[in-house]
PDB file of N, CA and C in Angstrom:
ATOM      1  N   MET A   1     116.924  56.343  81.134  1.00  0.00           N
ATOM      2  CA  MET A   1     116.906  55.636  82.340  1.00  0.00           C
ATOM      3  C   MET A   1     117.895  56.242  83.315  1.00  0.00           C
ATOM      4  N   TYR A   2     117.517  56.654  84.526  1.00  0.00           N
ATOM      5  CA  TYR A   2     118.449  57.294  85.374  1.00  0.00           C
ATOM      6  C   TYR A   2     118.876  56.268  86.489  1.00  0.00           C
ATOM      7  N   SER A   3     120.061  56.589  86.890  1.00  0.00           N
ATOM      8  CA  SER A   3     120.646  55.732  88.153  1.00  0.00           C
ATOM      9  C   SER A   3     120.959  56.590  89.173  1.00  0.00           C
ATOM     10  N   THR A   4     120.823  56.080  90.382  1.00  0.00           N
ATOM     11  CA  THR A   4     121.123  56.874  91.613  1.00  0.00           C
ATOM     12  C   THR A   4     122.096  56.019  92.445  1.00  0.00           C
ATOM     13  N   PRO A   5     123.168  56.749  92.859  1.00  0.00           N
ATOM     14  CA  PRO A   5     124.152  55.979  93.605  1.00  0.00           C
ATOM     15  C   PRO A   5     123.672  55.862  95.131  1.00  0.00           C
ATOM     16  N   ARG A   6     124.029  54.735  95.652  1.00  0.00           N
ATOM     17  CA  ARG A   6     123.649  54.567  97.165  1.00  0.00           C
ATOM     18  C   ARG A   6     124.881  54.109  97.816  1.00  0.00           C
ATOM     19  N   PHE A   7     125.043  54.342  99.157  1.00  0.00           N
ATOM     20  CA  PHE A   7     126.236  53.884  99.777  1.00  0.00           C
ATOM     21  C   PHE A   7     125.924  53.372 101.203  1.00  0.00           C
ATOM     22  N   LEU A   8     126.594  52.356 101.503  1.00  0.00           N
ATOM     23  CA  LEU A   8     126.551  51.841 102.932  1.00  0.00           C
ATOM     24  C   LEU A   8     128.032  52.069 103.468  1.00  0.00           C
ATOM     25  N   GLN A   9     128.141  52.903 104.295  1.00  0.00           N
ATOM     26  CA  GLN A   9     129.568  53.276 104.691  1.00  0.00           C
ATOM     27  C   GLN A   9     129.713  53.812 106.146  1.00  0.00           C
ATOM     28  N   GLY A  10     130.789  53.691 106.648  1.00  0.00           N
ATOM     29  CA  GLY A  10     131.093  54.286 108.064  1.00  0.00           C
ATOM     30  C   GLY A  10     132.200  53.566 108.714  1.00  0.00           C
ATOM     31  N   VAL A  11     132.426  54.032 109.991  1.00  0.00           N
ATOM     32  CA  VAL A  11     133.462  53.363 110.795  1.00  0.00           C
ATOM     33  C   VAL A  11     132.794  52.817 112.036  1.00  0.00           C
ATOM     34  N   PHE A  12     133.118  51.592 112.298  1.00  0.00           N
ATOM     35  CA  PHE A  12     132.386  50.773 113.364  1.00  0.00           C
ATOM     36  C   PHE A  12     133.270  49.966 114.198  1.00  0.00           C
ATOM     37  N   ALA A  13     133.083  50.123 115.508  1.00  0.00           N
ATOM     38  CA  ALA A  13     133.747  49.233 116.459  1.00  0.00           C
ATOM     39  C   ALA A  13     133.050  47.954 116.481  1.00  0.00           C
ATOM     40  N   PHE A  14     133.876  46.836 116.717  1.00  0.00           N
ATOM     41  CA  PHE A  14     133.259  45.457 116.769  1.00  0.00           C
ATOM     42  C   PHE A  14     133.908  44.651 117.830  1.00  0.00           C
ATOM     43  N   GLU A  15     133.093  43.610 118.271  1.00  0.00           N
ATOM     44  CA  GLU A  15     133.633  42.512 119.039  1.00  0.00           C
ATOM     45  C   GLU A  15     133.274  41.250 118.219  1.00  0.00           C
ATOM     46  N   GLY A  16     134.290  40.430 117.882  1.00  0.00           N
ATOM     47  CA  GLY A  16     133.985  39.253 117.092  1.00  0.00           C
ATOM     48  C   GLY A  16     133.308  38.200 117.885  1.00  0.00           C
ATOM     49  N   LYS A  17     132.489  37.450 117.183  1.00  0.00           N
ATOM     50  CA  LYS A  17     131.701  36.289 117.687  1.00  0.00           C
ATOM     51  C   LYS A  17     132.227  34.973 117.171  1.00  0.00           C
ATOM     52  N   GLY A  18     133.233  35.089 116.174  1.00  0.00           N
ATOM     53  CA  GLY A  18     133.771  33.872 115.589  1.00  0.00           C
ATOM     54  C   GLY A  18     133.760  34.048 114.069  1.00  0.00           C
ATOM     55  N   LEU A  19     134.810  33.536 113.342  1.00  0.00           N
ATOM     56  CA  LEU A  19     134.835  33.772 111.827  1.00  0.00           C
ATOM     57  C   LEU A  19     133.636  33.102 111.130  1.00  0.00           C
ATOM     58  N   ASP A  20     133.009  32.093 111.808  1.00  0.00           N
ATOM     59  CA  ASP A  20     131.915  31.486 111.233  1.00  0.00           C
ATOM     60  C   ASP A  20     130.538  31.934 111.825  1.00  0.00           C
ATOM     61  N   GLU A  21     130.622  33.034 112.540  1.00  0.00           N
ATOM     62  CA  GLU A  21     129.388  33.638 113.248  1.00  0.00           C
ATOM     63  C   GLU A  21     129.236  35.083 112.869  1.00  0.00           C
ATOM     64  N   PRO A  22     128.915  35.383 111.541  1.00  0.00           N
ATOM     65  CA  PRO A  22     128.791  36.786 111.150  1.00  0.00           C
ATOM     66  C   PRO A  22     127.596  37.467 111.803  1.00  0.00           C
ATOM     67  N   ALA A  23     127.775  38.669 112.186  1.00  0.00           N
ATOM     68  CA  ALA A  23     126.684  39.457 112.820  1.00  0.00           C
ATOM     69  C   ALA A  23     126.605  40.819 112.263  1.00  0.00           C
ATOM     70  N   PRO A  24     125.401  41.471 112.273  1.00  0.00           N
ATOM     71  CA  PRO A  24     125.227  42.811 111.866  1.00  0.00           C
ATOM     72  C   PRO A  24     126.226  43.773 112.427  1.00  0.00           C
ATOM     73  N   LEU A  25     126.708  44.718 111.615  1.00  0.00           N
ATOM     74  CA  LEU A  25     127.597  45.761 112.126  1.00  0.00           C
ATOM     75  C   LEU A  25     126.838  46.844 112.751  1.00  0.00           C
ATOM     76  N   GLY A  26     125.621  47.166 112.085  1.00  0.00           N
ATOM     77  CA  GLY A  26     124.891  48.394 112.544  1.00  0.00           C
ATOM     78  C   GLY A  26     123.700  48.583 111.701  1.00  0.00           C
ATOM     79  N   ALA A  27     122.645  49.249 112.211  1.00  0.00           N
ATOM     80  CA  ALA A  27     121.421  49.395 111.496  1.00  0.00           C
ATOM     81  C   ALA A  27     121.644  50.348 110.360  1.00  0.00           C
ATOM     82  N   SER A  28     122.713  51.218 110.229  1.00  0.00           N
ATOM     83  CA  SER A  28     122.874  52.102 109.159  1.00  0.00           C
ATOM     84  C   SER A  28     123.457  51.411 107.882  1.00  0.00           C
ATOM     85  N   LEU A  29     123.799  50.054 108.093  1.00  0.00           N
ATOM     86  CA  LEU A  29     124.377  49.314 106.996  1.00  0.00           C
ATOM     87  C   LEU A  29     123.355  48.466 106.446  1.00  0.00           C
ATOM     88  N   SER A  30     122.157  48.911 106.142  1.00  0.00           N
ATOM     89  CA  SER A  30     121.158  48.128 105.497  1.00  0.00           C
ATOM     90  C   SER A  30     120.491  49.086 104.483  1.00  0.00           C
ATOM     91  N   TYR A  31     120.111  48.363 103.358  1.00  0.00           N
ATOM     92  CA  TYR A  31     119.469  49.122 102.296  1.00  0.00           C
ATOM     93  C   TYR A  31     118.398  48.175 101.646  1.00  0.00           C
ATOM     94  N   THR A  32     117.232  48.764 101.421  1.00  0.00           N
ATOM     95  CA  THR A  32     116.171  48.070 100.758  1.00  0.00           C
ATOM     96  C   THR A  32     115.883  48.681  99.429  1.00  0.00           C
ATOM     97  N   VAL A  33     115.941  47.947  98.316  1.00  0.00           N
ATOM     98  CA  VAL A  33     115.670  48.463  97.030  1.00  0.00           C
ATOM     99  C   VAL A  33     114.139  48.706  96.928  1.00  0.00           C
ATOM    100  N   PRO A  34     113.909  49.962  96.554  1.00  0.00           N
ATOM    101  CA  PRO A  34     112.461  50.400  96.445  1.00  0.00           C
ATOM    102  C   PRO A  34     111.813  49.611  95.420  1.00  0.00           C
ATOM    103  N   ALA A  35     110.474  49.505  95.557  1.00  0.00           N
ATOM    104  CA  ALA A  35     109.572  48.774  94.711  1.00  0.00           C
ATOM    105  C   ALA A  35     109.568  49.624  93.399  1.00  0.00           C
ATOM    106  N   GLY A  36     109.721  48.790  92.268  1.00  0.00           N
ATOM    107  CA  GLY A  36     109.732  49.304  90.959  1.00  0.00           C
ATOM    108  C   GLY A  36     111.097  49.652  90.611  1.00  0.00           C
ATOM    109  N   ALA A  37     112.105  49.445  91.362  1.00  0.00           N
ATOM    110  CA  ALA A  37     113.493  49.821  91.010  1.00  0.00           C
ATOM    111  C   ALA A  37     114.306  48.570  91.074  1.00  0.00           C
ATOM    112  N   THR A  38     115.426  48.622  90.493  1.00  0.00           N
ATOM    113  CA  THR A  38     116.437  47.454  90.568  1.00  0.00           C
ATOM    114  C   THR A  38     117.745  48.037  91.099  1.00  0.00           C
ATOM    115  N   GLY A  39     118.423  47.286  91.846  1.00  0.00           N
ATOM    116  CA  GLY A  39     119.769  47.689  92.421  1.00  0.00           C
ATOM    117  C   GLY A  39     120.861  46.749  92.118  1.00  0.00           C
ATOM    118  N   GLN A  40     122.024  47.276  92.175  1.00  0.00           N
ATOM    119  CA  GLN A  40     123.269  46.407  91.928  1.00  0.00           C
ATOM    120  C   GLN A  40     124.298  46.918  92.981  1.00  0.00           C
ATOM    121  N   ALA A  41     125.108  46.095  93.450  1.00  0.00           N
ATOM    122  CA  ALA A  41     126.223  46.325  94.293  1.00  0.00           C
ATOM    123  C   ALA A  41     127.363  46.387  93.267  1.00  0.00           C
ATOM    124  N   VAL A  42     128.142  47.402  93.352  1.00  0.00           N
ATOM    125  CA  VAL A  42     129.209  47.553  92.271  1.00  0.00           C
ATOM    126  C   VAL A  42     130.635  47.591  92.805  1.00  0.00           C
ATOM    127  N   TYR A  43     130.824  47.945  94.090  1.00  0.00           N
ATOM    128  CA  TYR A  43     132.119  47.796  94.580  1.00  0.00           C
ATOM    129  C   TYR A  43     132.144  47.626  96.172  1.00  0.00           C
ATOM    130  N   PHE A  44     133.210  47.275  96.884  1.00  0.00           N
ATOM    131  CA  PHE A  44     133.319  47.190  98.312  1.00  0.00           C
ATOM    132  C   PHE A  44     134.733  47.672  98.588  1.00  0.00           C
ATOM    133  N   ARG A  45     134.820  48.608  99.553  1.00  0.00           N
ATOM    134  CA  ARG A  45     136.058  49.029 100.147  1.00  0.00           C
ATOM    135  C   ARG A  45     136.057  48.765 101.570  1.00  0.00           C
ATOM    136  N   GLY A  46     137.108  48.341 102.211  1.00  0.00           N
ATOM    137  CA  GLY A  46     137.201  48.036 103.597  1.00  0.00           C
ATOM    138  C   GLY A  46     138.518  48.212 104.194  1.00  0.00           C
ATOM    139  N   GLY A  47     138.561  48.584 105.441  1.00  0.00           N
ATOM    140  CA  GLY A  47     139.861  48.650 106.265  1.00  0.00           C
ATOM    141  C   GLY A  47     139.635  48.076 107.581  1.00  0.00           C
ATOM    142  N   ASN A  48     140.654  47.424 108.070  1.00  0.00           N
ATOM    143  CA  ASN A  48     140.553  46.686 109.278  1.00  0.00           C
ATOM    144  C   ASN A  48     141.748  47.144 110.245  1.00  0.00           C
ATOM    145  N   ALA A  49     141.479  47.759 111.280  1.00  0.00           N
ATOM    146  CA  ALA A  49     142.511  48.278 112.226  1.00  0.00           C
ATOM    147  C   ALA A  49     142.871  47.245 113.271  1.00  0.00           C
ATOM    148  N   SER A  50     142.371  46.033 113.298  1.00  0.00           N
ATOM    149  CA  SER A  50     142.692  45.008 114.244  1.00  0.00           C
ATOM    150  C   SER A  50     143.881  44.210 113.939  1.00  0.00           C
ATOM    151  N   ASP A  51     144.350  43.406 114.798  1.00  0.00           N
ATOM    152  CA  ASP A  51     145.553  42.599 114.517  1.00  0.00           C
ATOM    153  C   ASP A  51     145.319  41.215 113.989  1.00  0.00           C
ATOM    154  N   GLU A  52     144.069  40.936 113.551  1.00  0.00           N
ATOM    155  CA  GLU A  52     143.688  39.653 112.952  1.00  0.00           C
ATOM    156  C   GLU A  52     142.767  39.822 111.711  1.00  0.00           C
ATOM    157  N   LEU A  53     142.707  38.754 110.865  1.00  0.00           N
ATOM    158  CA  LEU A  53     141.824  38.750 109.671  1.00  0.00           C
ATOM    159  C   LEU A  53     140.395  38.812 110.132  1.00  0.00           C
ATOM    160  N   ILE A  54     139.685  39.650 109.452  1.00  0.00           N
ATOM    161  CA  ILE A  54     138.211  39.656 109.580  1.00  0.00           C
ATOM    162  C   ILE A  54     137.567  39.451 108.274  1.00  0.00           C
ATOM    163  N   CYS A  55     136.279  39.311 108.229  1.00  0.00           N
ATOM    164  CA  CYS A  55     135.596  39.156 107.066  1.00  0.00           C
ATOM    165  C   CYS A  55     134.226  39.965 107.119  1.00  0.00           C
ATOM    166  N   VAL A  56     134.145  40.821 106.030  1.00  0.00           N
ATOM    167  CA  VAL A  56     132.905  41.620 105.984  1.00  0.00           C
ATOM    168  C   VAL A  56     131.892  40.795 104.989  1.00  0.00           C
ATOM    169  N   VAL A  57     130.702  40.622 105.336  1.00  0.00           N
ATOM    170  CA  VAL A  57     129.824  39.745 104.587  1.00  0.00           C
ATOM    171  C   VAL A  57     128.603  40.636 104.116  1.00  0.00           C
ATOM    172  N   LEU A  58     128.522  40.531 102.681  1.00  0.00           N
ATOM    173  CA  LEU A  58     127.382  41.223 102.150  1.00  0.00           C
ATOM    174  C   LEU A  58     126.199  40.246 102.236  1.00  0.00           C
ATOM    175  N   VAL A  59     125.087  40.571 102.913  1.00  0.00           N
ATOM    176  CA  VAL A  59     124.045  39.667 103.126  1.00  0.00           C
ATOM    177  C   VAL A  59     122.741  40.175 102.266  1.00  0.00           C
ATOM    178  N   ARG A  60     122.131  39.275 101.660  1.00  0.00           N
ATOM    179  CA  ARG A  60     120.930  39.617 100.926  1.00  0.00           C
ATOM    180  C   ARG A  60     119.723  38.846 101.517  1.00  0.00           C
ATOM    181  N   ASP A  61     118.763  39.619 102.037  1.00  0.00           N
ATOM    182  CA  ASP A  61     117.565  39.007 102.527  1.00  0.00           C
ATOM    183  C   ASP A  61     117.890  37.883 103.517  1.00  0.00           C
ATOM    184  N   GLY A  62     118.995  38.192 104.348  1.00  0.00           N
ATOM    185  CA  GLY A  62     119.311  37.241 105.463  1.00  0.00           C
ATOM    186  C   GLY A  62     120.365  36.170 105.084  1.00  0.00           C
ATOM    187  N   ALA A  63     120.689  36.043 103.810  1.00  0.00           N
ATOM    188  CA  ALA A  63     121.644  35.044 103.370  1.00  0.00           C
ATOM    189  C   ALA A  63     122.872  35.643 102.698  1.00  0.00           C
ATOM    190  N   PRO A  64     124.090  35.131 103.138  1.00  0.00           N
ATOM    191  CA  PRO A  64     125.272  35.586 102.646  1.00  0.00           C
ATOM    192  C   PRO A  64     125.385  35.632 101.100  1.00  0.00           C
ATOM    193  N   MET A  65     125.787  36.675 100.554  1.00  0.00           N
ATOM    194  CA  MET A  65     125.827  36.961  98.990  1.00  0.00           C
ATOM    195  C   MET A  65     127.329  36.957  98.597  1.00  0.00           C
ATOM    196  N   ARG A  66     128.065  37.712  99.358  1.00  0.00           N
ATOM    197  CA  ARG A  66     129.559  37.931  99.047  1.00  0.00           C
ATOM    198  C   ARG A  66     130.349  37.928 100.331  1.00  0.00           C
ATOM    199  N   TYR A  67     131.651  37.421 100.280  1.00  0.00           N
ATOM    200  CA  TYR A  67     132.482  37.605 101.432  1.00  0.00           C
ATOM    201  C   TYR A  67     133.725  38.377 100.972  1.00  0.00           C
ATOM    202  N   PHE A  68     134.111  39.359 101.989  1.00  0.00           N
ATOM    203  CA  PHE A  68     135.139  40.283 101.691  1.00  0.00           C
ATOM    204  C   PHE A  68     136.182  40.072 102.906  1.00  0.00           C
ATOM    205  N   PRO A  69     137.198  39.156 102.710  1.00  0.00           N
ATOM    206  CA  PRO A  69     138.191  39.195 103.788  1.00  0.00           C
ATOM    207  C   PRO A  69     139.022  40.352 103.734  1.00  0.00           C
ATOM    208  N   VAL A  70     139.396  40.781 105.023  1.00  0.00           N
ATOM    209  CA  VAL A  70     140.293  42.012 105.156  1.00  0.00           C
ATOM    210  C   VAL A  70     141.313  41.690 106.133  1.00  0.00           C
ATOM    211  N   GLY A  71     142.592  41.704 105.700  1.00  0.00           N
ATOM    212  CA  GLY A  71     143.746  41.315 106.500  1.00  0.00           C
ATOM    213  C   GLY A  71     143.993  42.290 107.618  1.00  0.00           C
ATOM    214  N   ALA A  72     144.780  41.712 108.634  1.00  0.00           N
ATOM    215  CA  ALA A  72     145.128  42.432 109.828  1.00  0.00           C
ATOM    216  C   ALA A  72     145.820  43.774 109.435  1.00  0.00           C
ATOM    217  N   LYS A  73     145.198  44.905 109.956  1.00  0.00           N
ATOM    218  CA  LYS A  73     145.762  46.206 109.698  1.00  0.00           C
ATOM    219  C   LYS A  73     145.961  46.469 108.184  1.00  0.00           C
ATOM    220  N   GLY A  74     144.928  45.928 107.480  1.00  0.00           N
ATOM    221  CA  GLY A  74     144.879  46.032 106.045  1.00  0.00           C
ATOM    222  C   GLY A  74     143.660  46.745 105.513  1.00  0.00           C
ATOM    223  N   ASP A  75     143.749  46.696 104.122  1.00  0.00           N
ATOM    224  CA  ASP A  75     142.532  47.260 103.476  1.00  0.00           C
ATOM    225  C   ASP A  75     142.360  46.545 102.105  1.00  0.00           C
ATOM    226  N   VAL A  76     141.183  46.700 101.549  1.00  0.00           N
ATOM    227  CA  VAL A  76     140.816  46.034 100.327  1.00  0.00           C
ATOM    228  C   VAL A  76     139.840  46.818  99.485  1.00  0.00           C
ATOM    229  N   HIS A  77     140.111  46.800  98.147  1.00  0.00           N
ATOM    230  CA  HIS A  77     139.076  47.429  97.217  1.00  0.00           C
ATOM    231  C   HIS A  77     138.679  46.358  96.261  1.00  0.00           C
ATOM    232  N   VAL A  78     137.428  46.025  96.186  1.00  0.00           N
ATOM    233  CA  VAL A  78     136.940  44.924  95.263  1.00  0.00           C
ATOM    234  C   VAL A  78     135.884  45.468  94.421  1.00  0.00           C
ATOM    235  N   PRO A  79     136.331  45.727  93.130  1.00  0.00           N
ATOM    236  CA  PRO A  79     135.325  46.222  92.046  1.00  0.00           C
ATOM    237  C   PRO A  79     134.565  44.782  91.737  1.00  0.00           C
ATOM    238  N   LEU A  80     133.272  44.850  91.973  1.00  0.00           N
ATOM    239  CA  LEU A  80     132.510  43.649  91.549  1.00  0.00           C
ATOM    240  C   LEU A  80     132.376  43.419  90.165  1.00  0.00           C
ATOM    241  N   ARG A  81     132.942  42.400  89.632  1.00  0.00           N
ATOM    242  CA  ARG A  81     132.804  42.154  88.207  1.00  0.00           C
ATOM    243  C   ARG A  81     131.517  41.318  87.769  1.00  0.00           C
ATOM    244  N   VAL A  82     130.955  40.562  88.678  1.00  0.00           N
ATOM    245  CA  VAL A  82     129.837  39.809  88.493  1.00  0.00           C
ATOM    246  C   VAL A  82     128.734  40.604  89.173  1.00  0.00           C
ATOM    247  N   LEU A  83     127.902  41.310  88.465  1.00  0.00           N
ATOM    248  CA  LEU A  83     126.715  42.059  89.031  1.00  0.00           C
ATOM    249  C   LEU A  83     125.537  41.268  88.973  1.00  0.00           C
ATOM    250  N   GLU A  84     124.724  41.350  90.086  1.00  0.00           N
ATOM    251  CA  GLU A  84     123.492  40.649  90.122  1.00  0.00           C
ATOM    252  C   GLU A  84     122.444  41.731  90.387  1.00  0.00           C
ATOM    253  N   ASP A  85     121.325  41.622  89.613  1.00  0.00           N
ATOM    254  CA  ASP A  85     120.153  42.552  89.846  1.00  0.00           C
ATOM    255  C   ASP A  85     119.676  42.263  91.282  1.00  0.00           C
ATOM    256  N   LEU A  86     119.340  43.266  91.936  1.00  0.00           N
ATOM    257  CA  LEU A  86     118.579  43.199  93.145  1.00  0.00           C
ATOM    258  C   LEU A  86     117.202  43.733  92.998  1.00  0.00           C
ATOM    259  N   ALA A  87     116.250  42.891  92.989  1.00  0.00           N
ATOM    260  CA  ALA A  87     114.819  43.238  92.690  1.00  0.00           C
ATOM    261  C   ALA A  87     114.245  44.186  93.869  1.00  0.00           C
ATOM    262  N   GLY A  88     113.273  44.997  93.383  1.00  0.00           N
ATOM    263  CA  GLY A  88     112.584  45.828  94.384  1.00  0.00           C
ATOM    264  C   GLY A  88     112.128  44.994  95.582  1.00  0.00           C
ATOM    265  N   GLY A  89     112.428  45.462  96.812  1.00  0.00           N
ATOM    266  CA  GLY A  89     112.085  44.798  98.007  1.00  0.00           C
ATOM    267  C   GLY A  89     113.122  44.063  98.595  1.00  0.00           C
ATOM    268  N   THR A  90     114.173  43.867  97.828  1.00  0.00           N
ATOM    269  CA  THR A  90     115.374  43.075  98.334  1.00  0.00           C
ATOM    270  C   THR A  90     116.132  44.001  99.359  1.00  0.00           C
ATOM    271  N   THR A  91     116.528  43.372 100.469  1.00  0.00           N
ATOM    272  CA  THR A  91     117.372  44.171 101.562  1.00  0.00           C
ATOM    273  C   THR A  91     118.783  43.530 101.534  1.00  0.00           C
ATOM    274  N   VAL A  92     119.662  44.452 101.425  1.00  0.00           N
ATOM    275  CA  VAL A  92     121.084  44.025 101.580  1.00  0.00           C
ATOM    276  C   VAL A  92     121.587  44.729 102.769  1.00  0.00           C
ATOM    277  N   GLU A  93     122.598  43.999 103.500  1.00  0.00           N
ATOM    278  CA  GLU A  93     123.189  44.581 104.687  1.00  0.00           C
ATOM    279  C   GLU A  93     124.654  44.034 104.785  1.00  0.00           C
ATOM    280  N   LEU A  94     125.522  44.840 105.499  1.00  0.00           N
ATOM    281  CA  LEU A  94     126.786  44.453 105.765  1.00  0.00           C
ATOM    282  C   LEU A  94     126.968  43.789 107.101  1.00  0.00           C
ATOM    283  N   TRP A  95     127.491  42.643 107.209  1.00  0.00           N
ATOM    284  CA  TRP A  95     127.650  41.945 108.551  1.00  0.00           C
ATOM    285  C   TRP A  95     129.193  41.824 108.651  1.00  0.00           C
ATOM    286  N   LEU A  96     129.679  41.445 109.862  1.00  0.00           N
ATOM    287  CA  LEU A  96     131.029  41.144 110.080  1.00  0.00           C
ATOM    288  C   LEU A  96     131.258  39.819 110.812  1.00  0.00           C
ATOM    289  N   ALA A  97     132.328  39.154 110.305  1.00  0.00           N
ATOM    290  CA  ALA A  97     132.742  37.853 111.015  1.00  0.00           C
ATOM    291  C   ALA A  97     134.130  38.217 111.471  1.00  0.00           C
ATOM    292  N   ALA A  98     134.476  37.898 112.719  1.00  0.00           N
ATOM    293  CA  ALA A  98     135.824  38.134 113.253  1.00  0.00           C
ATOM    294  C   ALA A  98     136.025  37.014 114.356  1.00  0.00           C
ATOM    295  N   PRO A  99     137.290  36.711 114.675  1.00  0.00           N
ATOM    296  CA  PRO A  99     137.524  35.765 115.730  1.00  0.00           C
ATOM    297  C   PRO A  99     136.840  36.149 117.000  1.00  0.00           C
ATOM    298  N   ALA A 100     136.440  35.145 117.667  1.00  0.00           N
ATOM    299  CA  ALA A 100     135.709  35.398 118.996  1.00  0.00           C
ATOM    300  C   ALA A 100     136.476  36.199 119.883  1.00  0.00           C
ATOM    301  N   GLY A 101     135.891  37.165 120.562  1.00  0.00           N
ATOM    302  CA  GLY A 101     136.504  38.045 121.521  1.00  0.00           C
ATOM    303  C   GLY A 101     137.449  39.171 120.967  1.00  0.00           C
ATOM    304  N   LEU A 102     137.693  39.151 119.602  1.00  0.00           N
ATOM    305  CA  LEU A 102     138.512  40.138 118.989  1.00  0.00           C
ATOM    306  C   LEU A 102     137.852  41.523 119.033  1.00  0.00           C
ATOM    307  N   ASN A 103     138.403  42.517 119.566  1.00  0.00           N
ATOM    308  CA  ASN A 103     137.875  43.871 119.448  1.00  0.00           C
ATOM    309  C   ASN A 103     138.579  44.658 118.493  1.00  0.00           C
ATOM    310  N   GLY A 104     137.916  45.461 117.779  1.00  0.00           N
ATOM    311  CA  GLY A 104     138.604  46.220 116.717  1.00  0.00           C
ATOM    312  C   GLY A 104     137.718  47.313 116.072  1.00  0.00           C
ATOM    313  N   THR A 105     138.318  47.869 115.037  1.00  0.00           N
ATOM    314  CA  THR A 105     137.471  48.934 114.226  1.00  0.00           C
ATOM    315  C   THR A 105     137.592  48.542 112.743  1.00  0.00           C
ATOM    316  N   VAL A 106     136.422  48.689 112.035  1.00  0.00           N
ATOM    317  CA  VAL A 106     136.443  48.473 110.702  1.00  0.00           C
ATOM    318  C   VAL A 106     135.774  49.613 109.903  1.00  0.00           C
ATOM    319  N   ILE A 107     136.447  49.898 108.744  1.00  0.00           N
ATOM    320  CA  ILE A 107     135.856  50.953 107.962  1.00  0.00           C
ATOM    321  C   ILE A 107     135.277  50.279 106.667  1.00  0.00           C
ATOM    322  N   VAL A 108     134.030  50.515 106.411  1.00  0.00           N
ATOM    323  CA  VAL A 108     133.436  49.871 105.222  1.00  0.00           C
ATOM    324  C   VAL A 108     132.831  50.955 104.308  1.00  0.00           C
ATOM    325  N   ASP A 109     132.753  50.658 102.984  1.00  0.00           N
ATOM    326  CA  ASP A 109     132.165  51.447 101.937  1.00  0.00           C
ATOM    327  C   ASP A 109     131.637  50.621 100.910  1.00  0.00           C
ATOM    328  N   LEU A 110     130.383  50.312 100.806  1.00  0.00           N
ATOM    329  CA  LEU A 110     129.721  49.564  99.766  1.00  0.00           C
ATOM    330  C   LEU A 110     128.999  50.548  98.811  1.00  0.00           C
ATOM    331  N   GLY A 111     129.352  50.437  97.540  1.00  0.00           N
ATOM    332  CA  GLY A 111     128.672  51.287  96.481  1.00  0.00           C
ATOM    333  C   GLY A 111     127.672  50.493  95.840  1.00  0.00           C
ATOM    334  N   LEU A 112     126.480  51.072  95.646  1.00  0.00           N
ATOM    335  CA  LEU A 112     125.385  50.383  94.986  1.00  0.00           C
ATOM    336  C   LEU A 112     124.831  51.451  93.934  1.00  0.00           C
ATOM    337  N   VAL A 113     124.050  50.903  92.969  1.00  0.00           N
ATOM    338  CA  VAL A 113     123.491  51.672  92.010  1.00  0.00           C
ATOM    339  C   VAL A 113     122.042  51.273  91.969  1.00  0.00           C
ATOM    340  N   GLU A 114     121.162  52.288  92.041  1.00  0.00           N
ATOM    341  CA  GLU A 114     119.621  52.031  92.002  1.00  0.00           C
ATOM    342  C   GLU A 114     119.199  52.491  90.588  1.00  0.00           C
ATOM    343  N   ILE A 115     118.543  51.750  89.883  1.00  0.00           N
ATOM    344  CA  ILE A 115     118.108  52.017  88.540  1.00  0.00           C
ATOM    345  C   ILE A 115     116.565  52.032  88.454  1.00  0.00           C
TER     346      ILE A 115
END
């Protein structure tokens, strides 16, 4: 059985809509597990260049799956200990929740494995 690493990563400018109003960060932060394969998210790394707490949200088929708070001018590395299989056809995305009107830059790196 072979596994293939997949990554959702990059540097993104954002304007917050509210900590309770997550929104997509960008079209490049979306991944759909191919039919006949299984995926797993294995880690998240993030950096926040703004002056306030933000939250990166891993969304599965439109519903929040995991929340990754990232402190002001801080970073986080989260090795995911509870792995869930993502069936073929499942789409995962990274969204961002930030205080309304906050402008900033976030660096994200989500590691996935496709089996």
